[in-house]
Amino acid sequence: MPTTMDEVVDFISRLPTAFQVAKVQEAAARRLRVIDKEAFAGIQNGSRARSTDDLRPAVLRRLSGTVLNRNRTGSRAGFLLDEESTRRLREDPRNKYRIPADTERFQLPGNGVPLTCLELIEN
């Protein structure tokens, strides 16, 4: 018979030492990394994607572009905006990025966009 979530939570709440709780926490973190890797396996270099409403700052939400190289852990990726999204970002009064007028496609600076904030779109 499978273990229920209530039983798991009850078991963890009765662990007597911080070391034992930390072991459970480490196991949960490892499992979350596997789940994330599986969930975002389809987001590869060259994929077309759109940023979600979870991305901050808000000025970067709902922009579309191309996924670039993922980071070492696979949790973030460079993001090259398409022409329309580059134009929208350039013209948005909330924008803090310097985008020259002759730039057709702007790559978001920094260490990449979290994959959790990208959704694949069809070409």
Protein backbone atom coordinates (compact mmCIF):
# COMPACT_ATOMS: atom_id res chain seq x y z
CA MET A 1 0.00 0.00 0.00
CA PRO A 2 1.46 3.41 -0.98
CA THR A 3 2.47 5.91 1.65
CA THR A 4 0.23 8.98 1.83
CA MET A 5 1.49 12.54 1.92
CA ASP A 6 0.02 12.96 5.40
CA GLU A 7 2.07 9.97 6.59
CA VAL A 8 5.24 11.45 5.09
CA VAL A 9 4.64 14.82 6.73
CA ASP A 10 3.87 13.12 10.05
CA PHE A 11 7.05 11.04 9.78
CA ILE A 12 9.18 14.13 9.12
CA SER A 13 7.57 16.05 11.98
CA ARG A 14 8.62 13.27 14.38
CA LEU A 15 12.29 13.15 13.37
CA PRO A 16 14.33 13.73 16.53
CA THR A 17 17.41 15.55 15.18
CA ALA A 18 18.22 18.41 12.84
CA PHE A 19 20.63 16.08 11.03
CA GLN A 20 17.82 13.69 10.14
CA VAL A 21 15.57 16.53 8.97
CA ALA A 22 18.47 17.89 6.88
CA LYS A 23 18.85 14.50 5.19
CA VAL A 24 15.18 14.58 4.20
CA GLN A 25 15.60 18.15 2.97
CA GLU A 26 18.61 17.17 0.84
CA ALA A 27 16.69 14.26 -0.67
CA ALA A 28 13.78 16.56 -1.48
CA ALA A 29 16.12 19.09 -3.13
CA ARG A 30 17.67 16.34 -5.28
CA ARG A 31 14.21 15.18 -6.34
CA LEU A 32 13.14 18.74 -7.21
CA ARG A 33 16.22 19.14 -9.45
CA VAL A 34 15.26 15.97 -11.33
CA ILE A 35 11.65 17.10 -11.67
CA ASP A 36 12.73 20.53 -12.95
CA LYS A 37 15.15 18.96 -15.41
CA GLU A 38 12.40 16.74 -16.81
CA ALA A 39 9.85 19.56 -16.89
CA PHE A 40 12.09 21.89 -18.87
CA ALA A 41 13.86 19.34 -21.07
CA GLY A 42 12.02 20.68 -24.13
CA ILE A 43 13.48 24.15 -23.73
CA GLN A 44 16.67 23.82 -25.74
CA ASN A 45 19.04 26.15 -27.57
CA GLY A 46 17.16 27.63 -30.50
CA SER A 47 13.68 27.04 -29.06
CA ARG A 48 11.16 29.84 -29.50
CA ALA A 49 9.73 30.93 -26.17
CA ARG A 50 7.80 33.65 -24.38
CA SER A 51 8.55 34.99 -20.92
CA THR A 52 5.80 34.34 -18.40
CA ASP A 53 4.08 36.65 -15.96
CA ASP A 54 6.39 35.35 -13.22
CA LEU A 55 9.50 37.06 -14.65
CA ARG A 56 10.78 40.17 -12.93
CA PRO A 57 11.05 43.01 -13.58
CA ALA A 58 7.54 43.29 -14.99
CA VAL A 59 8.79 45.09 -18.11
CA LEU A 60 10.25 41.74 -19.29
CA ARG A 61 6.97 39.82 -19.07
CA ARG A 62 5.29 38.37 -22.20
CA LEU A 63 8.26 39.07 -24.48
CA SER A 64 9.15 36.48 -27.09
CA GLY A 65 12.44 35.35 -28.53
CA THR A 66 14.94 32.54 -28.88
CA VAL A 67 16.47 30.48 -26.09
CA LEU A 68 20.27 30.59 -26.08
CA ASN A 69 22.75 28.52 -24.11
CA ARG A 70 21.59 27.16 -20.77
CA ASN A 71 23.78 27.68 -17.74
CA ARG A 72 25.85 24.93 -16.12
CA THR A 73 23.02 23.76 -13.88
CA GLY A 74 20.43 24.01 -16.67
CA SER A 75 18.19 26.27 -14.59
CA ARG A 76 18.65 29.47 -16.63
CA ALA A 77 19.23 30.36 -20.26
CA GLY A 78 20.22 33.34 -22.33
CA PHE A 79 17.27 34.89 -24.15
CA LEU A 80 17.47 36.78 -27.45
CA LEU A 81 14.36 38.85 -28.04
CA ASP A 82 12.73 38.86 -31.46
CA GLU A 83 12.36 42.13 -33.38
CA GLU A 84 8.86 42.97 -32.11
CA SER A 85 9.74 42.29 -28.46
CA THR A 86 12.96 44.30 -28.81
CA ARG A 87 10.95 47.24 -30.16
CA ARG A 88 8.34 46.91 -27.37
CA LEU A 89 11.01 46.82 -24.68
CA ARG A 90 12.90 49.77 -26.19
CA GLU A 91 9.71 51.88 -26.23
CA ASP A 92 8.41 50.86 -22.80
CA PRO A 93 8.82 53.80 -20.37
CA ARG A 94 9.64 51.36 -17.54
CA ASN A 95 12.65 49.99 -19.46
CA LYS A 96 16.04 50.45 -17.77
CA TYR A 97 18.07 48.68 -20.49
CA ARG A 98 19.99 50.70 -23.06
CA ILE A 99 18.93 49.39 -26.45
CA PRO A 100 20.40 51.28 -29.39
CA ALA A 101 17.91 52.28 -32.09
CA ASP A 102 19.67 50.12 -34.70
CA THR A 103 19.51 46.95 -32.55
CA GLU A 104 17.01 44.58 -34.13
CA ARG A 105 17.28 41.75 -31.59
CA PHE A 106 18.28 42.42 -27.99
CA GLN A 107 19.80 39.77 -25.74
CA LEU A 108 18.65 40.18 -22.16
CA PRO A 109 21.72 40.91 -20.02
CA GLY A 110 22.71 39.10 -16.86
CA ASN A 111 23.00 35.42 -16.10
CA GLY A 112 19.94 34.37 -18.09
CA VAL A 113 16.23 33.93 -17.63
CA PRO A 114 15.01 31.21 -15.25
CA LEU A 115 13.59 28.35 -17.30
CA THR A 116 10.60 28.41 -14.98
CA CYS A 117 9.78 31.82 -16.50
CA LEU A 118 9.76 30.63 -20.13
CA GLU A 119 7.04 28.88 -22.08
CA LEU A 120 7.59 27.33 -25.48
CA ILE A 121 5.72 28.82 -28.42
CA GLU A 122 5.21 27.54 -31.94
CA ASN A 123 7.04 29.22 -34.79
